[in-house]
Amino acid sequence: MTDLERNSKQRPQVFVSYASADRAAAKTIVEGLRSRNLNVWLDADELRPGDHWAESIRTAIEASAYFLLLLSKHSVQSSWMVHEVEAVLKELQSRDVTFLPVLLEDCDIPSSLAIYQCFDMRSGVEENLEKLAEALRFTPKIDFEKLSPQTFEQLVVDLLQKLGFVNLQSEIQQRDSGFDAVVEFRQKDPFGAETREVYAVETKFYRHSRAGLEALRQLAGYAKSDPKINKALLVTNGNLTSVALDWVNDAPKATGIPIRVIDGTELKRLLLQNTDLVSKYFSPNLSNAS
């Protein structure tokens, strides 16, 4: 058994992936997190002569609670970024590893990563280290099992508002709609004109199961029946079944409604950047479980 395999049994908390050109920034981040009592895995520190590189990296990722990917002009151009990271994203979700892209500078983020909200360190690595460490410390507090389905719905509503969604119309008291809320997201197109996307939002809270194909089909059907809605959003505390994951990719062609899914792993990542919501909903003094 290698030293890395022995260490993996202790579940290193944070795995940091970076391009070689960003090694100085990576070292600063790692040293800063370690000085704040966080356990961090960095390849040059942990790999030993004779270790199989690819296998050792995968073992470390699987044993981590977080996967931090440093994004820069260098990393987004690397072949490892394009092939290896994209391939490992689904595996991270299935293993409940929180994926957190860290933006070091302005760069063209690959389309497969564009859906992820980045932790912004463009104003300086050292200036943002405490905020990053604080966010990572908050994750163990995020235990969805402590919430009731109703409290989970309200958490999602609050998060969507923090993310910039507007004109939220709650349907929680009107279950005939078939979904929980309607929200708008506004942004400007490349020519400066405002565009408007309207989402049907459904929350699915599970204690012992996962969101499946039927829930997605129902949501798409409800959204399609309302002419003002052009997208759908499913937010769940768990993961999707493999069949449901495959169906989501084909949903725009099959139903005409693009469906965005935020599963439990991604929800934790979003909450990392909104720690006031973590304090509000996961305080030790609260008891929301039904």
Protein backbone atom coordinates (compact mmCIF):
# COMPACT_ATOMS: atom_id res chain seq x y z
CA MET A 1 0.00 0.00 0.00
CA THR A 2 1.42 3.42 -1.00
CA ASP A 3 1.53 6.46 1.28
CA LEU A 4 -1.18 7.99 -0.89
CA GLU A 5 -3.48 5.01 -0.37
CA ARG A 6 -2.91 5.13 3.38
CA ASN A 7 -3.70 8.84 3.40
CA SER A 8 -6.81 8.27 1.29
CA LYS A 9 -8.28 6.21 4.11
CA GLN A 10 -8.20 9.39 6.21
CA ARG A 11 -10.31 11.15 3.52
CA PRO A 12 -8.23 14.20 2.58
CA GLN A 13 -10.65 17.08 2.63
CA VAL A 14 -9.60 19.13 -0.39
CA PHE A 15 -8.12 18.10 -3.76
CA VAL A 16 -6.63 20.95 -5.82
CA SER A 17 -6.23 20.62 -9.59
CA TYR A 18 -4.26 23.22 -11.54
CA ALA A 19 -2.19 23.85 -14.68
CA SER A 20 1.58 23.78 -14.23
CA ALA A 21 1.77 27.48 -15.13
CA ASP A 22 -0.45 28.21 -12.11
CA ARG A 23 1.68 26.31 -9.63
CA ALA A 24 2.63 29.42 -7.65
CA ALA A 25 -1.03 30.33 -7.13
CA ALA A 26 -1.86 26.72 -6.26
CA LYS A 27 0.89 26.59 -3.63
CA THR A 28 -0.34 29.85 -2.10
CA ILE A 29 -3.88 28.49 -1.91
CA VAL A 30 -2.79 25.15 -0.46
CA GLU A 31 -0.50 26.70 2.14
CA GLY A 32 -3.18 29.23 3.07
CA LEU A 33 -5.83 26.54 3.54
CA ARG A 34 -3.47 24.30 5.51
CA SER A 35 -2.57 27.20 7.81
CA ARG A 36 -6.30 27.48 8.47
CA ASN A 37 -6.48 23.85 9.60
CA LEU A 38 -7.85 22.39 6.36
CA ASN A 39 -6.42 19.16 4.96
CA VAL A 40 -5.38 19.67 1.34
CA TRP A 41 -4.03 17.21 -1.27
CA LEU A 42 -1.55 18.56 -3.83
CA ASP A 43 0.00 16.14 -6.32
CA ALA A 44 3.64 17.19 -5.97
CA ASP A 45 3.40 16.91 -2.18
CA GLU A 46 1.66 13.54 -2.04
CA LEU A 47 2.90 11.46 -4.98
CA ARG A 48 5.93 9.27 -4.37
CA PRO A 49 8.41 7.76 -6.84
CA GLY A 50 6.91 4.66 -8.38
CA ASP A 51 3.29 5.73 -7.91
CA HIS A 52 1.09 5.40 -11.00
CA TRP A 53 0.16 9.04 -11.69
CA ALA A 54 -3.33 8.66 -13.17
CA GLU A 55 -4.37 5.98 -10.68
CA SER A 56 -3.01 7.96 -7.73
CA ILE A 57 -4.79 11.13 -8.82
CA ARG A 58 -8.10 9.27 -9.14
CA THR A 59 -7.64 7.66 -5.72
CA ALA A 60 -7.04 11.07 -4.17
CA ILE A 61 -10.10 12.58 -5.86
CA GLU A 62 -12.31 9.72 -4.69
CA ALA A 63 -11.07 10.16 -1.13
CA SER A 64 -11.70 13.91 -1.04
CA ALA A 65 -14.71 15.87 0.10
CA TYR A 66 -13.97 18.75 -2.28
CA PHE A 67 -12.49 19.07 -5.77
CA LEU A 68 -11.09 22.56 -6.40
CA LEU A 69 -10.28 23.33 -10.03
CA LEU A 70 -8.17 26.45 -10.63
CA LEU A 71 -9.35 28.23 -13.77
CA SER A 72 -6.98 30.49 -15.69
CA LYS A 73 -5.96 31.25 -19.26
CA HIS A 74 -3.44 28.42 -18.94
CA SER A 75 -5.69 25.74 -17.46
CA VAL A 76 -8.59 26.19 -19.89
CA GLN A 77 -6.18 25.57 -22.77
CA SER A 78 -4.76 22.35 -21.36
CA SER A 79 -5.80 18.99 -22.79
CA TRP A 80 -6.13 17.56 -19.26
CA MET A 81 -8.80 20.16 -18.52
CA VAL A 82 -10.75 19.34 -21.66
CA HIS A 83 -10.67 15.56 -21.37
CA GLU A 84 -9.99 14.43 -17.81
CA VAL A 85 -11.95 16.99 -15.78
CA GLU A 86 -15.05 16.79 -17.94
CA ALA A 87 -14.95 13.00 -17.74
CA VAL A 88 -14.71 12.98 -13.96
CA LEU A 89 -17.61 15.38 -13.24
CA LYS A 90 -20.33 12.71 -13.21
CA GLU A 91 -18.20 10.52 -10.98
CA LEU A 92 -17.76 13.39 -8.53
CA GLN A 93 -21.53 13.73 -8.25
CA SER A 94 -22.08 10.03 -7.66
CA ARG A 95 -19.46 10.07 -4.88
CA ASP A 96 -20.85 13.24 -3.28
CA VAL A 97 -17.62 15.14 -3.91
CA THR A 98 -18.27 18.89 -4.03
CA PHE A 99 -16.87 20.43 -7.24
CA LEU A 100 -15.80 24.06 -6.86
CA PRO A 101 -14.19 25.92 -9.79
CA VAL A 102 -11.91 28.72 -8.58
CA LEU A 103 -11.49 31.62 -11.00
CA LEU A 104 -7.96 33.06 -10.85
CA GLU A 105 -8.31 35.47 -13.77
CA ASP A 106 -10.57 36.33 -16.70
CA CYS A 107 -10.57 33.42 -19.15
CA ASP A 108 -12.78 31.57 -21.61
CA ILE A 109 -14.45 28.93 -19.46
CA PRO A 110 -15.22 25.67 -21.33
CA SER A 111 -18.91 25.25 -22.13
CA SER A 112 -19.12 22.10 -20.01
CA LEU A 113 -18.07 24.14 -16.95
CA ALA A 114 -20.05 27.29 -17.74
CA ILE A 115 -23.06 26.06 -15.73
CA TYR A 116 -21.01 26.08 -12.53
CA GLN A 117 -20.80 29.22 -10.43
CA CYS A 118 -17.13 29.92 -9.74
CA PHE A 119 -15.47 31.03 -6.54
CA ASP A 120 -14.00 34.36 -7.64
CA MET A 121 -10.36 35.04 -6.71
CA ARG A 122 -9.63 37.48 -9.53
CA SER A 123 -9.08 40.33 -7.07
CA GLY A 124 -6.17 38.40 -5.57
CA VAL A 125 -5.44 34.95 -4.18
CA GLU A 126 -4.22 35.96 -0.73
CA GLU A 127 -7.02 38.51 -0.35
CA ASN A 128 -9.65 35.79 -0.80
CA LEU A 129 -8.08 32.90 1.11
CA GLU A 130 -10.02 33.47 4.33
CA LYS A 131 -13.31 33.62 2.43
CA LEU A 132 -12.47 30.37 0.61
CA ALA A 133 -11.49 28.64 3.85
CA GLU A 134 -14.69 29.84 5.49
CA ALA A 135 -16.76 28.44 2.64
CA LEU A 136 -15.06 25.04 2.89
CA ARG A 137 -15.60 24.92 6.65
CA PHE A 138 -19.32 25.49 6.19
CA THR A 139 -19.92 22.37 4.08
CA PRO A 140 -20.00 19.85 6.98
CA LYS A 141 -22.86 21.91 8.42
CA ILE A 142 -24.97 21.34 5.30
CA ASP A 143 -27.07 18.33 6.23
CA PHE A 144 -30.28 18.22 4.20
CA GLU A 145 -31.60 15.43 6.42
CA LYS A 146 -32.18 18.05 9.12
CA LEU A 147 -34.70 19.89 6.95
CA SER A 148 -38.37 19.25 6.35
CA PRO A 149 -39.63 19.24 2.73
CA GLN A 150 -41.26 22.63 3.33
CA THR A 151 -38.06 24.15 4.75
CA PHE A 152 -36.09 22.73 1.82
CA GLU A 153 -38.47 24.48 -0.59
CA GLN A 154 -37.95 27.79 1.20
CA LEU A 155 -34.17 27.31 1.13
CA VAL A 156 -34.35 26.87 -2.65
CA VAL A 157 -36.51 29.99 -3.00
CA ASP A 158 -34.04 32.06 -0.97
CA LEU A 159 -31.08 30.70 -2.96
CA LEU A 160 -32.70 31.51 -6.31
CA GLN A 161 -33.27 35.07 -5.15
CA LYS A 162 -29.61 35.32 -4.12
CA LEU A 163 -28.57 34.03 -7.56
CA GLY A 164 -30.44 36.84 -9.29
CA PHE A 165 -33.79 35.29 -10.17
CA VAL A 166 -36.66 37.79 -10.00
CA ASN A 167 -40.46 37.96 -10.04
CA LEU A 168 -40.67 34.73 -8.11
CA GLN A 169 -44.25 33.47 -8.05
CA SER A 170 -44.61 30.76 -5.46
CA GLU A 171 -47.04 27.97 -6.26
CA ILE A 172 -46.44 26.20 -2.95
CA GLN A 173 -49.94 27.01 -1.77
CA GLN A 174 -51.47 26.13 -5.15
CA ARG A 175 -50.47 22.56 -5.90
CA ASP A 176 -52.74 22.33 -8.96
CA SER A 177 -49.94 23.89 -11.01
CA GLY A 178 -47.82 20.76 -10.69
CA PHE A 179 -44.66 22.66 -9.76
CA ASP A 180 -43.48 24.83 -6.88
CA ALA A 181 -42.65 28.22 -8.39
CA VAL A 182 -42.15 30.32 -11.50
CA VAL A 183 -39.05 32.52 -11.66
CA GLU A 184 -37.45 34.84 -14.19
CA PHE A 185 -33.80 35.36 -14.99
CA ARG A 186 -32.80 38.44 -16.95
CA GLN A 187 -29.52 39.17 -18.69
CA LYS A 188 -28.23 41.14 -21.65
CA ASP A 189 -27.41 39.61 -25.01
CA PRO A 190 -24.15 40.52 -26.84
CA PHE A 191 -25.92 43.56 -28.35
CA GLY A 192 -27.06 44.99 -25.04
CA ALA A 193 -30.71 43.99 -25.26
CA GLU A 194 -32.29 42.38 -22.21
CA THR A 195 -33.31 38.74 -22.55
CA ARG A 196 -35.80 37.02 -20.27
CA GLU A 197 -35.91 33.35 -19.34
CA VAL A 198 -38.90 32.00 -17.40
CA TYR A 199 -38.43 28.78 -15.41
CA ALA A 200 -40.89 26.38 -13.87
CA VAL A 201 -39.22 25.27 -10.64
CA GLU A 202 -39.80 21.98 -8.88
CA THR A 203 -38.10 20.90 -5.65
CA LYS A 204 -37.76 17.23 -4.77
CA PHE A 205 -36.81 16.34 -1.22
CA TYR A 206 -35.87 12.71 -0.62
CA ARG A 207 -34.66 10.85 2.45
CA HIS A 208 -34.21 7.36 1.02
CA SER A 209 -34.55 7.60 -2.77
CA ARG A 210 -33.48 9.60 -5.83
CA ALA A 211 -35.24 11.78 -8.39
CA GLY A 212 -36.21 9.64 -11.35
CA LEU A 213 -37.45 9.90 -14.90
CA GLU A 214 -41.12 10.30 -13.98
CA ALA A 215 -40.48 13.50 -11.98
CA LEU A 216 -38.59 15.04 -14.90
CA ARG A 217 -41.23 14.10 -17.46
CA GLN A 218 -43.97 15.58 -15.31
CA LEU A 219 -42.05 18.82 -14.84
CA ALA A 220 -41.37 19.13 -18.58
CA GLY A 221 -45.05 18.46 -19.31
CA TYR A 222 -46.25 21.11 -16.87
CA ALA A 223 -43.75 23.64 -18.21
CA LYS A 224 -44.72 22.98 -21.81
CA SER A 225 -48.41 23.51 -21.02
CA ASP A 226 -47.76 27.10 -19.89
CA PRO A 227 -46.91 29.37 -22.85
CA LYS A 228 -45.02 31.90 -20.74
CA ILE A 229 -42.53 29.26 -19.52
CA ASN A 230 -39.56 28.33 -21.71
CA LYS A 231 -37.33 26.38 -19.29
CA ALA A 232 -37.58 24.05 -16.31
CA LEU A 233 -35.47 23.69 -13.17
CA LEU A 234 -35.42 20.70 -10.83
CA VAL A 235 -33.66 21.11 -7.48
CA THR A 236 -33.15 18.05 -5.30
CA ASN A 237 -31.20 17.21 -2.16
CA GLY A 238 -30.12 13.86 -3.63
CA ASN A 239 -28.90 12.60 -6.99
CA LEU A 240 -30.68 11.59 -10.18
CA THR A 241 -30.96 8.01 -11.35
CA SER A 242 -28.70 7.17 -14.30
CA VAL A 243 -31.72 6.87 -16.60
CA ALA A 244 -32.93 10.32 -15.55
CA LEU A 245 -29.48 11.83 -16.15
CA ASP A 246 -29.42 10.48 -19.70
CA TRP A 247 -32.95 11.74 -20.37
CA VAL A 248 -32.12 15.31 -19.24
CA ASN A 249 -29.56 15.63 -22.04
CA ASP A 250 -32.19 14.71 -24.64
CA ALA A 251 -35.03 16.71 -23.07
CA PRO A 252 -34.81 19.77 -25.37
CA LYS A 253 -35.29 17.57 -28.45
CA ALA A 254 -37.87 15.28 -26.86
CA THR A 255 -40.02 17.93 -25.16
CA GLY A 256 -38.93 21.31 -26.47
CA ILE A 257 -38.17 22.34 -22.87
CA PRO A 258 -34.54 22.57 -21.68
CA ILE A 259 -34.29 21.18 -18.15
CA ARG A 260 -31.63 22.27 -15.67
CA VAL A 261 -31.01 19.98 -12.72
CA ILE A 262 -29.31 21.02 -9.48
CA ASP A 263 -28.63 17.91 -7.45
CA GLY A 264 -27.52 17.69 -3.83
CA THR A 265 -23.81 17.91 -4.63
CA GLU A 266 -24.19 21.02 -6.77
CA LEU A 267 -26.61 22.54 -4.26
CA LYS A 268 -23.95 22.25 -1.57
CA ARG A 269 -21.47 24.00 -3.86
CA LEU A 270 -23.88 26.88 -4.44
CA LEU A 271 -24.50 27.20 -0.72
CA LEU A 272 -20.73 27.40 -0.16
CA GLN A 273 -20.86 30.81 -1.80
CA ASN A 274 -23.93 31.91 0.16
CA THR A 275 -22.89 31.02 3.68
CA ASP A 276 -25.54 33.28 5.21
CA LEU A 277 -28.11 30.74 4.00
CA VAL A 278 -26.10 27.93 5.61
CA SER A 279 -26.23 29.80 8.91
CA LYS A 280 -29.95 30.47 8.49
CA TYR A 281 -31.06 26.93 7.62
CA PHE A 282 -28.46 24.68 9.25
CA SER A 283 -27.86 26.35 12.59
CA PRO A 284 -27.43 23.81 15.44
CA ASN A 285 -30.25 25.62 17.23
CA LEU A 286 -32.74 24.85 14.48
CA SER A 287 -34.73 21.66 14.35
CA ASN A 288 -36.61 21.47 11.07
CA ALA A 289 -36.83 17.75 10.43
CA SER A 290 -40.32 16.40 10.22
